[in-house]
C-alpha atoms as a PDB file:
ATOM      1  CA  MET A   1      28.276  27.405  19.304  1.00  0.00           C
ATOM      2  CA  PRO A   2      25.602  25.148  19.646  1.00  0.00           C
ATOM      3  CA  LEU A   3      22.674  25.638  21.909  1.00  0.00           C
ATOM      4  CA  GLU A   4      22.364  23.443  25.125  1.00  0.00           C
ATOM      5  CA  ASN A   5      18.692  22.642  24.539  1.00  0.00           C
ATOM      6  CA  GLU A   6      19.309  21.631  20.831  1.00  0.00           C
ATOM      7  CA  ALA A   7      17.600  18.262  19.970  1.00  0.00           C
ATOM      8  CA  THR A   8      19.344  15.621  18.575  1.00  0.00           C
ATOM      9  CA  GLU A   9      17.618  13.032  16.274  1.00  0.00           C
ATOM     10  CA  THR A  10      17.947   9.643  17.621  1.00  0.00           C
ATOM     11  CA  LEU A  11      18.190   6.780  14.994  1.00  0.00           C
ATOM     12  CA  VAL A  12      17.038   3.305  16.094  1.00  0.00           C
ATOM     13  CA  GLU A  13      17.019   0.362  13.852  1.00  0.00           C
ATOM     14  CA  MET A  14      13.381  -1.442  13.828  1.00  0.00           C
ATOM     15  CA  PRO A  15      13.789  -5.272  14.041  1.00  0.00           C
ATOM     16  CA  LEU A  16      12.060  -7.172  11.582  1.00  0.00           C
ATOM     17  CA  LEU A  17      12.784 -10.768  12.105  1.00  0.00           C
ATOM     18  CA  SER A  18      15.213 -12.704  14.225  1.00  0.00           C
ATOM     19  CA  ILE A  19      16.406 -16.517  13.565  1.00  0.00           C
ATOM     20  CA  LYS A  20      18.054 -18.427  16.155  1.00  0.00           C
ATOM     21  CA  GLU A  21      19.791 -20.784  13.983  1.00  0.00           C
ATOM     22  CA  VAL A  22      21.743 -20.417  10.518  1.00  0.00           C
ATOM     23  CA  PHE A  23      24.511 -22.145   8.705  1.00  0.00           C
ATOM     24  CA  VAL A  24      26.956 -20.035   7.090  1.00  0.00           C
ATOM     25  CA  TYR A  25      29.208 -21.354   4.067  1.00  0.00           C
ATOM     26  CA  ARG A  26      32.071 -20.269   2.072  1.00  0.00           C
ATOM     27  CA  VAL A  27      30.982 -19.691  -1.334  1.00  0.00           C
ATOM     28  CA  PRO A  28      32.931 -20.714  -4.423  1.00  0.00           C
ATOM     29  CA  PRO A  29      33.230 -18.453  -7.567  1.00  0.00           C
ATOM     30  CA  LEU A  30      30.263 -18.663  -9.780  1.00  0.00           C
ATOM     31  CA  LYS A  31      30.868 -21.043 -12.548  1.00  0.00           C
ATOM     32  CA  SER A  32      27.785 -20.442 -14.508  1.00  0.00           C
ATOM     33  CA  ALA A  33      25.451 -17.552 -15.287  1.00  0.00           C
ATOM     34  CA  SER A  34      22.444 -19.507 -14.211  1.00  0.00           C
ATOM     35  CA  GLY A  35      23.338 -18.831 -10.593  1.00  0.00           C
ATOM     36  CA  TYR A  36      24.746 -20.233  -7.337  1.00  0.00           C
ATOM     37  CA  ARG A  37      24.257 -23.899  -6.650  1.00  0.00           C
ATOM     38  CA  ALA A  38      24.262 -25.105  -2.814  1.00  0.00           C
ATOM     39  CA  GLU A  39      25.405 -28.406  -3.709  1.00  0.00           C
ATOM     40  CA  GLU A  40      28.892 -27.121  -4.217  1.00  0.00           C
ATOM     41  CA  TRP A  41      29.472 -25.803  -0.905  1.00  0.00           C
ATOM     42  CA  GLY A  42      29.859 -28.882   1.114  1.00  0.00           C
ATOM     43  CA  LEU A  43      26.711 -28.635   2.998  1.00  0.00           C
ATOM     44  CA  GLU A  44      27.724 -31.356   5.509  1.00  0.00           C
ATOM     45  CA  ASN A  45      30.618 -29.223   6.704  1.00  0.00           C
ATOM     46  CA  PRO A  46      29.410 -25.295   7.149  1.00  0.00           C
ATOM     47  CA  ALA A  47      31.962 -22.685   8.060  1.00  0.00           C
ATOM     48  CA  LEU A  48      30.205 -21.783  11.378  1.00  0.00           C
ATOM     49  CA  SER A  49      26.812 -21.895  12.855  1.00  0.00           C
ATOM     50  CA  GLY A  50      25.011 -18.738  14.326  1.00  0.00           C
ATOM     51  CA  SER A  51      21.950 -16.615  14.327  1.00  0.00           C
ATOM     52  CA  LEU A  52      20.613 -14.077  11.983  1.00  0.00           C
ATOM     53  CA  THR A  53      18.763 -10.747  12.440  1.00  0.00           C
ATOM     54  CA  ILE A  54      16.961  -8.350  10.131  1.00  0.00           C
ATOM     55  CA  SER A  55      16.278  -4.832  10.925  1.00  0.00           C
ATOM     56  CA  ARG A  56      15.469  -1.659   9.174  1.00  0.00           C
ATOM     57  CA  LEU A  57      16.582   1.696   9.393  1.00  0.00           C
ATOM     58  CA  ASN A  58      14.948   4.622   7.007  1.00  0.00           C
ATOM     59  CA  GLN A  59      15.437   3.241   3.410  1.00  0.00           C
ATOM     60  CA  LYS A  60      18.086   0.515   4.304  1.00  0.00           C
ATOM     61  CA  CYS A  61      17.664  -2.892   5.585  1.00  0.00           C
ATOM     62  CA  TYR A  62      20.114  -4.874   7.350  1.00  0.00           C
ATOM     63  CA  ILE A  63      20.778  -8.627   7.642  1.00  0.00           C
ATOM     64  CA  LYS A  64      23.342  -9.392  10.220  1.00  0.00           C
ATOM     65  CA  LEU A  65      25.062 -13.001  10.889  1.00  0.00           C
ATOM     66  CA  PHE A  66      26.272 -13.724  14.456  1.00  0.00           C
ATOM     67  CA  LYS A  67      28.439 -16.251  15.711  1.00  0.00           C
ATOM     68  CA  SER A  68      27.383 -18.679  18.336  1.00  0.00           C
ATOM     69  CA  THR A  69      28.738 -18.091  21.739  1.00  0.00           C
ATOM     70  CA  SER A  70      29.905 -20.648  24.182  1.00  0.00           C
ATOM     71  CA  LYS A  71      27.339 -22.357  26.273  1.00  0.00           C
ATOM     72  CA  GLY A  72      29.295 -21.833  29.490  1.00  0.00           C
ATOM     73  CA  GLU A  73      29.667 -18.111  29.066  1.00  0.00           C
ATOM     74  CA  ILE A  74      26.953 -16.335  31.049  1.00  0.00           C
ATOM     75  CA  GLY A  75      25.453 -13.206  29.670  1.00  0.00           C
ATOM     76  CA  ALA A  76      28.056 -13.207  26.632  1.00  0.00           C
ATOM     77  CA  LYS A  77      26.476 -11.395  23.846  1.00  0.00           C
ATOM     78  CA  PRO A  78      26.729 -12.781  20.247  1.00  0.00           C
ATOM     79  CA  ILE A  79      29.692 -11.616  17.910  1.00  0.00           C
ATOM     80  CA  LEU A  80      28.862  -9.927  14.759  1.00  0.00           C
ATOM     81  CA  PHE A  81      30.327 -12.176  11.548  1.00  0.00           C
ATOM     82  CA  GLY A  82      28.972 -10.501   8.786  1.00  0.00           C
ATOM     83  CA  LYS A  83      26.418  -7.803   7.380  1.00  0.00           C
ATOM     84  CA  CYS A  84      24.737  -7.232   4.259  1.00  0.00           C
ATOM     85  CA  THR A  85      23.357  -3.663   3.800  1.00  0.00           C
ATOM     86  CA  ILE A  86      20.256  -3.297   1.422  1.00  0.00           C
ATOM     87  CA  LEU A  87      19.810  -0.102  -0.301  1.00  0.00           C
ATOM     88  CA  LEU A  88      17.580  -0.295  -3.346  1.00  0.00           C
ATOM     89  CA  GLY A  89      17.661   2.155  -6.339  1.00  0.00           C
ATOM     90  CA  ASN A  90      20.284   3.225  -9.011  1.00  0.00           C
ATOM     91  CA  GLY A  91      19.327   0.120 -10.819  1.00  0.00           C
ATOM     92  CA  ARG A  92      19.985  -2.148  -7.914  1.00  0.00           C
ATOM     93  CA  ASN A  93      17.355  -4.757  -6.977  1.00  0.00           C
ATOM     94  CA  LEU A  94      16.883  -7.372  -3.993  1.00  0.00           C
ATOM     95  CA  GLN A  95      18.777  -9.861  -6.080  1.00  0.00           C
ATOM     96  CA  HIS A  96      21.919  -7.648  -6.187  1.00  0.00           C
ATOM     97  CA  PHE A  97      22.136  -8.109  -2.545  1.00  0.00           C
ATOM     98  CA  VAL A  98      20.415 -11.169  -1.747  1.00  0.00           C
ATOM     99  CA  GLU A  99      20.186 -14.042  -4.378  1.00  0.00           C
ATOM    100  CA  HIS A 100      18.737 -17.545  -3.707  1.00  0.00           C
ATOM    101  CA  THR A 101      20.502 -20.813  -5.223  1.00  0.00           C
ATOM    102  CA  VAL A 102      18.918 -22.694  -8.162  1.00  0.00           C
ATOM    103  CA  ASP A 103      18.875 -25.811  -6.858  1.00  0.00           C
ATOM    104  CA  SER A 104      17.074 -25.113  -3.288  1.00  0.00           C
ATOM    105  CA  SER A 105      14.921 -22.801  -1.432  1.00  0.00           C
ATOM    106  CA  ARG A 106      16.725 -22.935   1.841  1.00  0.00           C
ATOM    107  CA  TYR A 107      19.833 -21.543   0.652  1.00  0.00           C
ATOM    108  CA  PHE A 108      20.898 -18.013  -0.138  1.00  0.00           C
ATOM    109  CA  VAL A 109      23.871 -15.802  -1.203  1.00  0.00           C
ATOM    110  CA  LEU A 110      24.572 -12.684   0.756  1.00  0.00           C
ATOM    111  CA  ARG A 111      26.570  -9.668  -0.456  1.00  0.00           C
ATOM    112  CA  CYS A 112      28.615  -8.459   2.515  1.00  0.00           C
ATOM    113  CA  GLU A 113      30.505  -5.300   2.048  1.00  0.00           C
ATOM    114  CA  GLU A 114      32.825  -3.593   4.700  1.00  0.00           C
ATOM    115  CA  GLU A 115      31.401  -0.222   4.655  1.00  0.00           C
ATOM    116  CA  GLU A 116      33.403   1.514   7.472  1.00  0.00           C
ATOM    117  CA  LYS A 117      36.667   0.068   6.485  1.00  0.00           C
ATOM    118  CA  SER A 118      38.130  -1.043   3.002  1.00  0.00           C
ATOM    119  CA  GLY A 119      34.928  -1.324   1.051  1.00  0.00           C
ATOM    120  CA  LYS A 120      35.793  -5.201   0.356  1.00  0.00           C
ATOM    121  CA  VAL A 121      32.810  -7.175  -0.871  1.00  0.00           C
ATOM    122  CA  ALA A 122      32.270 -10.817   0.158  1.00  0.00           C
ATOM    123  CA  HIS A 123      29.743 -13.209  -1.128  1.00  0.00           C
ATOM    124  CA  VAL A 124      28.634 -15.490   1.933  1.00  0.00           C
ATOM    125  CA  GLY A 125      26.307 -18.592   1.690  1.00  0.00           C
ATOM    126  CA  ILE A 126      23.716 -18.990   4.349  1.00  0.00           C
ATOM    127  CA  GLY A 127      21.189 -21.896   4.810  1.00  0.00           C
ATOM    128  CA  PHE A 128      18.199 -22.825   7.127  1.00  0.00           C
ATOM    129  CA  ARG A 129      17.252 -26.268   8.341  1.00  0.00           C
ATOM    130  CA  GLU A 130      13.490 -25.527   7.997  1.00  0.00           C
ATOM    131  CA  ARG A 131      11.752 -24.725   4.746  1.00  0.00           C
ATOM    132  CA  ALA A 132       9.387 -22.450   6.824  1.00  0.00           C
ATOM    133  CA  THR A 133      12.200 -20.497   8.218  1.00  0.00           C
ATOM    134  CA  SER A 134      13.535 -19.769   4.751  1.00  0.00           C
ATOM    135  CA  PHE A 135      10.144 -18.551   3.606  1.00  0.00           C
ATOM    136  CA  ASP A 136       9.866 -16.030   6.702  1.00  0.00           C
ATOM    137  CA  PHE A 137      13.294 -15.052   5.703  1.00  0.00           C
ATOM    138  CA  LYS A 138      12.322 -14.205   2.131  1.00  0.00           C
ATOM    139  CA  ALA A 139       8.840 -13.075   3.072  1.00  0.00           C
ATOM    140  CA  VAL A 140      10.382 -10.000   5.137  1.00  0.00           C
ATOM    141  CA  LEU A 141      12.619  -8.981   2.550  1.00  0.00           C
ATOM    142  CA  ASP A 142       9.661  -8.982   0.020  1.00  0.00           C
ATOM    143  CA  ASP A 143       7.932  -6.797   2.613  1.00  0.00           C
ATOM    144  CA  PHE A 144      10.638  -4.543   2.679  1.00  0.00           C
ATOM    145  CA  VAL A 145      10.894  -3.778  -1.234  1.00  0.00           C
ATOM    146  CA  ARG A 146       7.015  -3.424  -1.429  1.00  0.00           C
ATOM    147  CA  SER A 147       7.265  -0.668   1.433  1.00  0.00           C
ATOM    148  CA  GLU A 148      10.037   1.005  -0.541  1.00  0.00           C
ATOM    149  CA  GLU A 149       7.916   0.993  -3.740  1.00  0.00           C
ATOM    150  CA  ARG A 150       5.009   2.469  -2.161  1.00  0.00           C
ATOM    151  CA  SER A 151       7.223   5.183  -0.541  1.00  0.00           C
ATOM    152  CA  LYS A 152       8.666   6.276  -3.726  1.00  0.00           C
ATOM    153  CA  LYS A 153       5.268   6.229  -5.340  1.00  0.00           C
ATOM    154  CA  ALA A 154       3.998   8.548  -2.802  1.00  0.00           C
ATOM    155  CA  GLN A 155       6.855  10.864  -3.045  1.00  0.00           C
ATOM    156  CA  GLN A 156       6.247  11.170  -6.757  1.00  0.00           C
ATOM    157  CA  LEU A 157       2.768  11.700  -6.301  1.00  0.00           C
ATOM    158  CA  GLN A 158       3.535  14.494  -3.814  1.00  0.00           C
ATOM    159  CA  LEU A 159       5.686  16.422  -6.251  1.00  0.00           C
ATOM    160  CA  GLU A 160       3.120  16.075  -8.869  1.00  0.00           C
ATOM    161  CA  VAL A 161       0.482  17.758  -6.536  1.00  0.00           C
ATOM    162  CA  GLU A 162       2.751  20.361  -5.960  1.00  0.00           C
ATOM    163  CA  ASP A 163       3.671  21.036  -9.584  1.00  0.00           C
ATOM    164  CA  ILE A 164      -0.355  21.151  -9.927  1.00  0.00           C
ATOM    165  CA  GLU A 165      -0.785  23.612  -7.153  1.00  0.00           C
ATOM    166  CA  GLY A 166       1.500  26.196  -8.356  1.00  0.00           C
ATOM    167  CA  CYS A 167       3.904  26.763 -11.162  1.00  0.00           C
ATOM    168  CA  GLY A 168       7.002  28.235 -10.735  1.00  0.00           C
ATOM    169  CA  ASP A 169       8.334  31.232 -12.604  1.00  0.00           C
ATOM    170  CA  ALA A 170      11.564  32.451 -14.067  1.00  0.00           C
ATOM    171  CA  GLY A 171      12.476  33.338 -10.554  1.00  0.00           C
ATOM    172  CA  GLY A 172      11.444  30.150  -8.803  1.00  0.00           C
ATOM    173  CA  GLN A 173       8.284  31.493  -7.180  1.00  0.00           C
ATOM    174  CA  LYS A 174       4.848  29.947  -7.085  1.00  0.00           C
ATOM    175  CA  THR A 175       1.933  31.735  -8.299  1.00  0.00           C
ATOM    176  CA  PRO A 176      -0.873  31.687  -5.675  1.00  0.00           C
ATOM    177  CA  ARG A 177      -4.144  29.856  -6.156  1.00  0.00           C
ATOM    178  CA  GLN A 178      -6.888  31.729  -7.522  1.00  0.00           C
ATOM    179  CA  ASP A 179      -9.878  32.218  -5.585  1.00  0.00           C
ATOM    180  CA  PHE A 180     -12.950  31.461  -7.295  1.00  0.00           C
ATOM    181  CA  SER A 181     -15.615  31.808  -4.226  1.00  0.00           C
ATOM    182  CA  LEU A 182     -18.236  34.247  -3.793  1.00  0.00           C
ATOM    183  CA  GLN A 183     -17.005  37.271  -1.694  1.00  0.00           C
ATOM    184  CA  GLU A 184     -19.199  38.992   0.850  1.00  0.00           C
ATOM    185  CA  GLY A 185     -22.011  41.151  -0.970  1.00  0.00           C
ATOM    186  CA  GLN A 186     -21.485  39.307  -4.374  1.00  0.00           C
ATOM    187  CA  THR A 187     -24.453  37.867  -5.882  1.00  0.00           C
ATOM    188  CA  ILE A 188     -25.265  35.937  -9.152  1.00  0.00           C
ATOM    189  CA  HIS A 189     -28.141  36.709 -11.537  1.00  0.00           C
ATOM    190  CA  LEU A 190     -29.526  33.704 -13.506  1.00  0.00           C
ATOM    191  CA  SER A 191     -31.791  34.025 -16.748  1.00  0.00           C
ATOM    192  CA  LEU A 192     -33.820  31.065 -17.244  1.00  0.00           C
ATOM    193  CA  PRO A 193     -35.794  31.056 -20.432  1.00  0.00           C
ATOM    194  CA  THR A 194     -39.540  30.792 -20.736  1.00  0.00           C
ATOM    195  CA  LYS A 195     -41.536  28.357 -22.832  1.00  0.00           C
ATOM    196  CA  GLY A 196     -44.007  31.176 -24.200  1.00  0.00           C
ATOM    197  CA  ARG A 197     -46.942  33.462 -22.657  1.00  0.00           C
ATOM    198  CA  ARG A 198     -49.206  31.667 -19.914  1.00  0.00           C
ATOM    199  CA  ARG A 199     -52.647  31.249 -21.141  1.00  0.00           C
ATOM    200  CA  GLY A 200     -55.714  31.650 -19.177  1.00  0.00           C
ATOM    201  CA  LYS A 201     -57.188  28.868 -16.932  1.00  0.00           C
ATOM    202  CA  SER A 202     -58.059  25.923 -18.749  1.00  0.00           C
ATOM    203  CA  GLN A 203     -61.149  23.764 -18.368  1.00  0.00           C
ATOM    204  CA  HIS A 204     -59.024  21.624 -16.080  1.00  0.00           C
ATOM    205  CA  GLU A 205     -58.325  24.291 -13.655  1.00  0.00           C
ATOM    206  CA  LYS A 206     -61.687  25.573 -13.282  1.00  0.00           C
ATOM    207  CA  GLY A 207     -62.624  23.252 -10.468  1.00  0.00           C
ATOM    208  CA  ASP A 208     -66.005  21.809 -11.903  1.00  0.00           C
ATOM    209  CA  GLY A 209     -64.614  18.370 -11.859  1.00  0.00           C
ATOM    210  CA  SER A 210     -64.720  17.716 -15.428  1.00  0.00           C
ATOM    211  CA  PHE A 211     -60.831  17.290 -15.783  1.00  0.00           C
ATOM    212  CA  LEU A 212     -60.561  14.079 -13.800  1.00  0.00           C
ATOM    213  CA  VAL A 213     -59.261  11.316 -15.734  1.00  0.00           C
ATOM    214  CA  PRO A 214     -61.760   8.103 -16.040  1.00  0.00           C
ATOM    215  CA  PRO A 215     -60.527   4.832 -14.043  1.00  0.00           C
ATOM    216  CA  PRO A 216     -58.887   2.211 -16.077  1.00  0.00           C
ATOM    217  CA  GLY A 217     -61.081   0.268 -18.455  1.00  0.00           C
ATOM    218  CA  GLN A 218     -63.947   2.920 -18.449  1.00  0.00           C
ATOM    219  CA  LYS A 219     -64.607   5.753 -21.090  1.00  0.00           C
ATOM    220  CA  LYS A 220     -65.315   9.037 -19.892  1.00  0.00           C
ATOM    221  CA  ASP A 221     -68.243   9.288 -22.097  1.00  0.00           C
ATOM    222  CA  GLY A 222     -69.294   5.603 -22.017  1.00  0.00           C
ATOM    223  CA  PRO A 223     -72.541   4.183 -20.447  1.00  0.00           C
ATOM    224  CA  LYS A 224     -73.348   4.960 -16.870  1.00  0.00           C
ATOM    225  CA  GLU A 225     -72.948   1.990 -14.373  1.00  0.00           C
ATOM    226  CA  ASP A 226     -75.858   0.045 -13.133  1.00  0.00           C
ATOM    227  CA  ARG A 227     -76.307   0.746  -9.472  1.00  0.00           C
ATOM    228  CA  SER A 228     -79.290  -1.566  -9.195  1.00  0.00           C
ATOM    229  CA  VAL A 229     -77.091  -4.062  -7.792  1.00  0.00           C
ATOM    230  CA  ASP A 230     -76.229  -3.585  -4.243  1.00  0.00           C
ATOM    231  CA  ASP A 231     -72.605  -3.489  -3.617  1.00  0.00           C
ATOM    232  CA  TRP A 232     -73.009  -4.666   0.032  1.00  0.00           C
ATOM    233  CA  GLY A 233     -75.184  -7.682  -1.131  1.00  0.00           C
ATOM    234  CA  ASP A 234     -72.601 -10.118   0.228  1.00  0.00           C
ATOM    235  CA  PHE A 235     -72.677  -8.438   3.743  1.00  0.00           C
ATOM    236  CA  THR A 236     -75.746  -8.946   6.282  1.00  0.00           C
ATOM    237  CA  VAL A 237     -77.288  -5.598   7.254  1.00  0.00           C
ATOM    238  CA  ALA A 238     -77.233  -5.523  11.199  1.00  0.00           C
ATOM    239  CA  GLU A 239     -80.578  -5.492  12.721  1.00  0.00           C
ATOM    240  CA  LYS A 240     -81.549  -2.510  14.922  1.00  0.00           C
END
């Protein structure tokens, strides 16, 4: 029997992009392996016009197409026309779900699948009036792909770290990590090599001043400096 205070997880889709105007087209069967061509759709006569949203829930990204409602209906909600669910992995990349046309950067083909019903798949063409809108549409999808790639790399690194921290034995148990730190009361003794016996005090250590190195440009035993010239000749002696 479930507990009354049992916490239930609430899943909420995170909105990524909302486009107020999108044109939807019926896509004829693919004629060439090079890709879809928007010029074959009859761009002057779209099947319908509406709006588009992109949202995310965990590892899935949803592209939803909505029909436009009548302007006279107050408070009317848009009607969901189709949904493209993007779930990367198992050899499926973004192009498996969203494919751009070869003759224009403003038109795309979405792979829409009825997940909850028959599982039928339909390819739906969409187009945008402005090139900047199509750029935003593609940029949001590329950001989703990069986010998934970073998430998978992080999971892989986590598994590698867990394998390094402890290797599993035959029973599936991990061996504890060894502690090499010093415990209380333990000491380390170091034996440093010596360079030989220490000699007695040398003449440089007797303190008679004979060990001082002569200044640069003079020799220790050279001629004594002539002190007959007054070092302060350039200065006037102050009168008492």
